[in-house]
Structures are given as structure tokens and as C-alpha cells.
Protein backbone atom coordinates (compact mmCIF):
# COMPACT_ATOMS: atom_id res chain seq x y z
CA MET A 1 0.00 0.00 0.00
CA SER A 2 1.81 3.11 -1.24
CA LYS A 3 -0.24 5.63 0.73
CA SER A 4 -0.95 5.78 4.44
CA ILE A 5 -4.52 5.59 5.69
CA VAL A 6 -4.14 9.23 6.73
CA GLU A 7 -3.23 10.29 3.18
CA LEU A 8 -6.02 8.20 1.67
CA VAL A 9 -8.71 9.75 3.87
CA ASP A 10 -7.23 13.26 3.65
CA GLN A 11 -7.18 13.08 -0.15
CA LEU A 12 -10.77 11.96 -0.65
CA PRO A 13 -12.49 14.46 -2.96
CA THR A 14 -15.13 16.81 -1.59
CA GLY A 15 -16.86 17.10 -4.97
CA GLY A 16 -16.91 15.62 -8.45
CA LEU A 17 -18.97 13.02 -10.23
CA THR A 18 -18.66 10.23 -7.65
CA VAL A 19 -19.75 12.49 -4.81
CA SER A 20 -22.60 13.96 -6.89
CA MET A 21 -23.81 10.49 -7.82
CA LEU A 22 -23.79 9.28 -4.21
CA LYS A 23 -25.61 12.41 -3.01
CA SER A 24 -28.27 11.88 -5.67
CA LEU A 25 -29.00 8.46 -4.12
CA ASP A 26 -29.82 10.01 -0.75
CA PHE A 27 -33.50 9.53 -1.54
CA VAL A 28 -33.01 5.77 -1.00
CA ALA A 29 -31.21 6.14 2.35
CA PRO A 30 -32.05 9.64 3.58
CA GLY A 31 -29.35 11.25 5.68
CA GLU A 32 -27.27 8.08 5.91
CA TRP A 33 -24.19 9.33 4.07
CA GLN A 34 -22.24 12.51 4.61
CA ASN A 35 -19.05 12.90 2.63
CA THR A 36 -16.70 13.14 5.60
CA VAL A 37 -13.13 13.70 4.40
CA GLY A 38 -9.93 14.15 6.37
CA PHE A 39 -8.57 11.69 8.91
CA VAL A 40 -8.90 13.96 11.95
CA ASN A 41 -12.37 15.05 10.86
CA THR A 42 -13.35 11.39 10.64
CA ILE A 43 -12.03 10.68 14.14
CA LYS A 44 -14.04 13.62 15.49
CA LYS A 45 -17.19 12.49 13.70
CA VAL A 46 -16.93 8.84 14.72
CA THR A 47 -15.98 9.49 18.36
CA GLY A 48 -17.49 12.90 19.08
CA GLU A 49 -14.15 13.79 20.71
CA ASP A 50 -12.45 17.17 20.51
CA ASP A 51 -9.64 16.47 22.98
CA GLU A 52 -6.50 16.84 20.85
CA ASP A 53 -4.42 14.40 22.91
CA LEU A 54 -7.08 11.72 22.73
CA ILE A 55 -7.56 12.29 19.00
CA GLN A 56 -3.81 11.86 18.58
CA GLN A 57 -3.85 8.55 20.50
CA ILE A 58 -6.81 7.24 18.51
CA GLY A 59 -5.15 8.23 15.24
CA GLU A 60 -1.87 6.54 16.14
CA ARG A 61 -3.62 3.32 17.12
CA ALA A 62 -5.71 3.33 13.94
CA ILE A 63 -2.59 3.84 11.82
CA TYR A 64 -0.86 0.97 13.65
CA LEU A 65 -3.80 -1.34 13.00
CA PHE A 66 -3.96 -0.41 9.31
CA ASN A 67 -0.21 -0.97 8.87
CA ASP A 68 -0.34 -4.39 10.55
CA LYS A 69 -0.54 -6.71 7.55
CA SER A 70 -1.68 -9.60 9.73
CA GLN A 71 -4.97 -7.72 9.96
CA GLY A 72 -7.27 -7.60 6.94
CA TYR A 73 -7.60 -3.84 6.53
CA GLN A 74 -5.15 -3.36 3.68
CA ARG A 75 -6.59 -6.33 1.82
CA ALA A 76 -10.10 -4.93 2.22
CA LEU A 77 -9.03 -1.55 0.85
CA TRP A 78 -7.28 -3.23 -2.07
CA LEU A 79 -10.54 -5.01 -2.89
CA TYR A 80 -12.55 -1.77 -2.84
CA GLN A 81 -9.96 -0.14 -5.09
CA THR A 82 -9.55 -3.07 -7.48
CA VAL A 83 -13.22 -3.58 -8.38
CA ASP A 84 -13.37 0.11 -9.28
CA ASN A 85 -10.15 -0.03 -11.25
CA THR A 86 -11.55 -0.02 -14.76
CA ASP A 87 -10.44 2.41 -17.43
CA LYS A 88 -10.73 5.83 -15.86
CA ALA A 89 -9.79 7.80 -18.95
CA LEU A 90 -12.99 9.77 -18.62
CA GLY A 91 -12.58 10.10 -14.91
CA ALA A 92 -11.83 12.80 -12.43
CA ALA A 93 -9.32 14.75 -14.48
CA ALA A 94 -11.54 15.13 -17.52
CA LEU A 95 -14.56 15.99 -15.41
CA ALA A 96 -12.90 18.13 -12.77
CA ASN A 97 -14.11 21.35 -14.38
CA LYS A 98 -17.64 20.02 -14.61
CA VAL A 99 -18.29 20.20 -10.88
CA GLY A 100 -21.42 22.21 -10.31
CA GLU A 101 -22.50 21.88 -13.93
CA LYS A 102 -24.68 19.28 -15.53
CA ILE A 103 -22.69 16.65 -17.40
CA PRO A 104 -23.90 16.50 -21.03
CA LEU A 105 -23.92 12.73 -21.43
CA LEU A 106 -24.49 13.04 -25.17
CA GLY A 107 -20.95 14.33 -25.58
CA PHE A 108 -19.53 11.13 -24.09
CA LEU A 109 -21.56 8.56 -26.02
CA ASN A 110 -18.80 8.01 -28.56
CA SER A 111 -16.32 7.36 -25.75
CA VAL A 112 -18.13 4.59 -23.88
CA THR A 113 -19.33 1.17 -24.93
CA PRO A 114 -22.28 -0.51 -23.18
CA LYS A 115 -21.46 -3.93 -21.80
CA PRO A 116 -23.37 -7.03 -22.86
CA ASP A 117 -25.75 -8.20 -20.12
CA LYS A 118 -23.55 -11.18 -19.23
CA ALA A 119 -20.47 -8.97 -18.73
CA GLN A 120 -22.53 -6.56 -16.64
CA THR A 121 -23.87 -9.47 -14.60
CA ILE A 122 -20.37 -10.73 -13.86
CA ASP A 123 -19.22 -7.25 -12.82
CA LEU A 124 -22.27 -6.76 -10.57
CA THR A 125 -21.82 -10.11 -8.84
CA LEU A 126 -18.05 -9.66 -8.46
CA LYS A 127 -18.60 -6.30 -6.77
CA LEU A 128 -20.96 -8.02 -4.34
CA VAL A 129 -18.40 -10.73 -3.63
CA ALA A 130 -15.73 -8.05 -3.11
CA GLU A 131 -18.03 -6.43 -0.52
CA LEU A 132 -18.52 -9.79 1.18
CA VAL A 133 -14.81 -10.65 1.29
CA ALA A 134 -13.87 -7.12 2.42
CA PHE A 135 -16.45 -7.40 5.22
CA CYS A 136 -14.85 -10.67 6.31
CA GLN A 137 -11.35 -9.17 6.15
CA ILE A 138 -12.33 -6.14 8.24
CA ASN A 139 -14.03 -8.31 10.83
CA GLY A 140 -11.33 -10.98 10.95
CA ILE A 141 -13.61 -13.85 9.97
CA PRO A 142 -13.19 -16.47 7.20
CA GLY A 143 -13.79 -15.14 3.69
CA ASP A 144 -16.61 -17.57 3.00
CA SER A 145 -18.81 -16.33 5.86
CA ILE A 146 -21.81 -15.63 3.68
CA GLY A 147 -24.30 -16.01 6.54
CA ASP A 148 -22.51 -13.45 8.73
CA PHE A 149 -22.38 -11.00 5.82
CA VAL A 150 -26.06 -11.37 4.98
CA ALA A 151 -26.98 -10.93 8.65
CA SER A 152 -24.88 -7.77 8.82
CA LEU A 153 -26.60 -6.12 5.87
CA GLY A 154 -29.56 -5.24 8.06
CA GLU A 155 -27.18 -3.20 10.21
CA TYR A 156 -25.39 -1.48 7.34
CA SER A 157 -25.44 2.30 7.67
CA GLY A 158 -23.61 5.41 6.52
CA GLU A 159 -21.02 4.96 3.81
CA SER A 160 -21.46 1.16 3.77
CA LEU A 161 -25.21 1.43 3.15
CA ILE A 162 -24.90 4.05 0.40
CA ARG A 163 -22.30 1.83 -1.32
CA MET A 164 -24.78 -1.06 -1.42
CA VAL A 165 -27.55 1.30 -2.56
CA ALA A 166 -25.29 2.43 -5.41
CA LEU A 167 -24.53 -1.20 -6.27
CA VAL A 168 -28.24 -1.96 -6.61
CA CYS A 169 -29.06 1.26 -8.49
CA VAL A 170 -26.01 1.91 -10.66
CA ASP A 171 -24.76 -1.63 -11.34
CA GLY A 172 -28.11 -3.40 -11.16
CA LEU A 173 -31.21 -1.39 -12.05
CA ILE A 174 -29.79 0.99 -14.66
CA PRO A 175 -27.87 -1.47 -16.84
CA LEU A 176 -30.00 -4.61 -16.33
CA GLY A 177 -33.49 -3.21 -15.71
CA PRO A 178 -36.15 -3.73 -13.02
CA ASP A 179 -35.72 -7.53 -13.07
CA PHE A 180 -31.96 -7.27 -12.61
CA ILE A 181 -31.89 -9.84 -9.79
CA SER A 182 -33.48 -12.66 -11.79
CA LYS A 183 -31.54 -11.59 -14.87
CA ALA A 184 -28.25 -11.76 -12.94
CA ILE A 185 -29.05 -15.19 -11.48
CA SER A 186 -30.01 -16.46 -14.93
CA GLY A 187 -26.88 -14.93 -16.43
CA LEU A 188 -24.65 -16.58 -13.84
CA ASN A 189 -26.31 -19.93 -14.45
CA GLN A 190 -25.45 -19.59 -18.13
CA THR A 191 -21.84 -18.57 -17.44
CA ASN A 192 -19.11 -21.17 -17.60
CA PRO A 193 -15.75 -21.03 -15.80
CA GLN A 194 -13.92 -20.19 -19.03
CA GLU A 195 -16.06 -17.08 -19.53
CA LEU A 196 -15.44 -16.05 -15.93
CA GLU A 197 -11.70 -16.41 -16.48
CA GLN A 198 -11.92 -13.86 -19.30
CA ASN A 199 -13.24 -11.14 -16.99
CA SER A 200 -10.46 -8.72 -16.02
CA THR A 201 -11.91 -7.97 -12.58
CA PHE A 202 -12.10 -11.68 -11.82
CA GLN A 203 -8.51 -12.09 -12.91
CA ASN A 204 -7.49 -9.37 -10.45
CA ILE A 205 -9.40 -10.61 -7.40
CA LYS A 206 -9.76 -14.36 -8.01
CA ASP A 207 -7.12 -15.27 -5.43
CA VAL A 208 -9.28 -13.93 -2.60
CA ILE A 209 -12.52 -15.56 -3.80
CA PRO A 210 -13.10 -18.87 -1.96
CA GLY A 211 -12.72 -21.92 -4.18
CA ASN A 212 -9.98 -24.08 -5.65
CA ASN A 213 -10.64 -23.27 -9.30
CA ALA A 214 -12.75 -21.06 -11.55
CA GLY A 215 -15.66 -23.51 -11.36
CA SER A 216 -15.85 -23.55 -7.57
CA LYS A 217 -15.30 -19.79 -7.43
CA LEU A 218 -18.19 -19.35 -9.87
CA ASN A 219 -20.34 -21.45 -7.54
CA PHE A 220 -19.34 -19.23 -4.61
CA ILE A 221 -20.23 -16.10 -6.60
CA GLY A 222 -23.63 -17.58 -7.42
CA GLU A 223 -24.25 -18.68 -3.84
CA SER A 224 -23.30 -15.24 -2.54
CA PHE A 225 -25.59 -13.38 -4.94
CA ASP A 226 -28.44 -15.77 -4.26
CA SER A 227 -28.04 -15.21 -0.51
CA VAL A 228 -28.29 -11.43 -0.90
CA LYS A 229 -31.17 -11.35 -3.37
CA GLY A 230 -33.72 -11.04 -0.56
CA TRP A 231 -31.99 -7.97 0.87
CA MET A 232 -31.69 -6.36 -2.56
CA SER A 233 -35.29 -7.15 -3.44
CA GLY A 234 -36.40 -5.65 -0.13
CA LEU A 235 -34.45 -2.45 -0.81
CA VAL A 236 -36.03 -2.16 -4.25
CA SER A 237 -39.59 -2.78 -3.08
CA ALA A 238 -39.35 -0.62 0.06
CA ASN A 239 -38.32 2.35 -2.04
CA ASN A 240 -40.33 1.53 -5.17
CA LEU A 241 -37.07 1.68 -7.09
CA THR A 242 -37.18 1.62 -10.86
CA PRO A 243 -34.53 2.55 -13.41
CA GLN A 244 -36.57 5.64 -14.27
CA LYS A 245 -36.81 6.74 -10.64
CA VAL A 246 -33.05 6.37 -10.17
CA VAL A 247 -32.32 8.24 -13.39
CA HIS A 248 -34.71 11.03 -12.40
CA ASN A 249 -32.57 11.63 -9.30
CA LEU A 250 -29.29 11.36 -11.23
CA GLN A 251 -30.55 14.13 -13.48
CA SER A 252 -29.46 16.58 -10.80
CA PHE A 253 -25.97 16.32 -12.25
CA THR A 254 -26.24 14.88 -15.74
CA ASP A 255 -28.51 15.17 -18.75
CA ILE A 256 -29.83 11.72 -19.54
CA ALA A 257 -32.30 10.34 -22.03
CA ASP A 258 -34.32 7.38 -20.75
CA ASP A 259 -33.48 5.36 -23.84
CA LYS A 260 -29.73 5.66 -23.20
CA LEU A 261 -29.57 3.76 -19.91
CA ASP A 262 -26.99 1.25 -21.15
CA TYR A 263 -24.73 4.14 -22.15
CA LEU A 264 -25.36 5.86 -18.83
CA ALA A 265 -24.31 2.69 -17.00
CA ALA A 266 -21.11 2.46 -19.05
CA PHE A 267 -20.40 6.15 -18.46
CA LEU A 268 -20.85 5.88 -14.67
CA ASP A 269 -18.69 2.75 -14.67
CA VAL A 270 -15.68 4.53 -16.10
CA ALA A 271 -16.27 7.95 -14.57
CA THR A 272 -16.95 7.11 -10.92
CA ASN A 273 -15.18 5.15 -8.18
CA TYR A 274 -17.86 4.88 -5.53
CA TYR A 275 -16.54 1.56 -4.18
CA GLU A 276 -13.09 2.98 -3.52
CA HIS A 277 -14.44 6.28 -2.16
CA THR A 278 -16.94 4.84 0.32
CA GLY A 279 -14.73 1.81 0.99
CA THR A 280 -11.96 4.11 2.23
CA GLN A 281 -14.49 5.83 4.48
CA THR A 282 -15.78 2.49 5.79
CA LEU A 283 -12.26 1.35 6.56
CA ALA A 284 -11.39 4.57 8.40
CA HIS A 285 -14.61 4.30 10.39
CA ARG A 286 -13.91 0.71 11.46
CA LEU A 287 -10.25 1.41 12.29
CA ILE A 288 -11.21 4.35 14.48
CA GLU A 289 -13.94 2.40 16.28
CA ARG A 290 -11.48 -0.38 17.07
CA ALA A 291 -8.74 2.07 18.06
CA VAL A 292 -11.07 3.73 20.56
CA ALA A 293 -11.92 0.36 22.08
CA GLU A 294 -8.27 -0.60 22.45
CA ILE A 295 -6.65 2.51 23.94
């Protein structure tokens, strides 16, 4: 890990496309996510402390825990970063001067290519598995603890909850439609291990996915997604989520035509890094909570 946890949290952006997108999803989880940036700011928010000496102690302990490679924190952060690590050519640099303006999606249509449904399904389910494995790493439990992960989803809040909301909305509903859950399950059932091996994200994270080979890892991916379908379905029905409703809220920062949803999905895929952004915040939160308990 080339950067310290302090640098990573201090350097989180306060604006830009990722932040705008996450804020636009507040209607699904009202008030759950504030874009807290800065390591000291995060300590103050998590603990409510303003005693400088105590903040210093908490920070030092959190840094120690993050740097201890026998813990799972660095591996969890690597997972959050890696599943977002697609081509970012259209990313922050190109869009930096667009903050506060509406993004004219039409101008980017020649630069993005919609993914076939099967490729989108694999990406969606791999992001879910990355969340599951990162959860296990952070909590020091075996990486195949699907039951513990599913049970924890009901307690997800803040940056962790908005990340899962974005997964459902941006990687599920927009590219795959209102029946994205059944479509993803069907797509996985029709995927063979050789096709999975061709996915670049799988190639990057396959070593941390439980299973001895691509076939058993594919089974784990399917089992994981199937175990979370109830939670995702509940989120969709509780908020009456539809692709159109999600897009309506995204229109606060980009001009979108309803018949261009596959292009919108491809655009958001390359232009945002919501897993890395909120994953860094989740990690800082958990490190600080543990540091407080241990000093």
C-alpha cells in the first residue's frame, strides 16, 4: 500500500462526479451518508471527541492497525480499489471542471461502450463478492462467511449502506433493468468457468474468492448473490425503485435520455469510483472504532 490511511482519507475528494452520484442516491437512504473527508475530521465524527491528545492517540492506534498486515484492513481496501479499477480515462481529471455543472452525457456517447448483459452481470456479482470478502477481512472472519455477511446487511449504515444502494441502483437497475436480480441469477447460471476467467476484474481478485478453481469460485459467486437477493429485493420494493426513478434523481448532475440507460451505466462505470471512495471511508470508520476500544 503506497499511501498511508491518513493520506487516503485526507485526499478523498469533496466534490466531483462520484460524490454527486452518491448524493443523488440520498432519496433511498435519507441522511445516511455525509461525505466526511480528512482523517482527523473522521475521528471527530466517529468518536465525538475534541480532545487533541485523545484524538492523537486514537489516530496513532488506527494507523498501527492499518499498517499491521496480519490484519485484513489493507486487503479490504485493495478489494474496494480493485473492483473500481476499470479504465478511468474519462474520470476525475476530464470531469474536474464540470463540478457544479450538468454533465452532457451526449458528448460522451462516442467514448463509452455498453457492456453485454452477461459482462454486466459478472461485474455486478463480483462487486458483491468483493463487498462480502472485504467485510470478512475487516471483521477478521473467514472469507466464505456468507451467513454473517447477509446478517450484517440489516445493520449497514452510513457509507457502507450508500455503497450497497449504489450497487443496486447503478450496477443493477440501470444497466439490467427492473428484473436485474433474476436476470443476474439467470446470467450466472449460463456462465461457464472459461467465460469467468476472461473477466479482467475476476482475474485481479480471483485469489481472494473462496474456491480451488474457476468452477468452484463461480459457484461461490452464485451462492453469494443468491443469498443477498432477498436484501436487494427488499431495498427495491421498500423504495419503489425503478430505473426511471433512479435516473430522475441522477438528473441533478447529468442530462440523460431514458433510452440511453446502457450508455449511462457504461459512463458511470468509467467515470466514478464509488466503491473505492466509500470503501476508504468504511475502513477509516472501522479502524477508528477499534482504536477507541483498544486505547
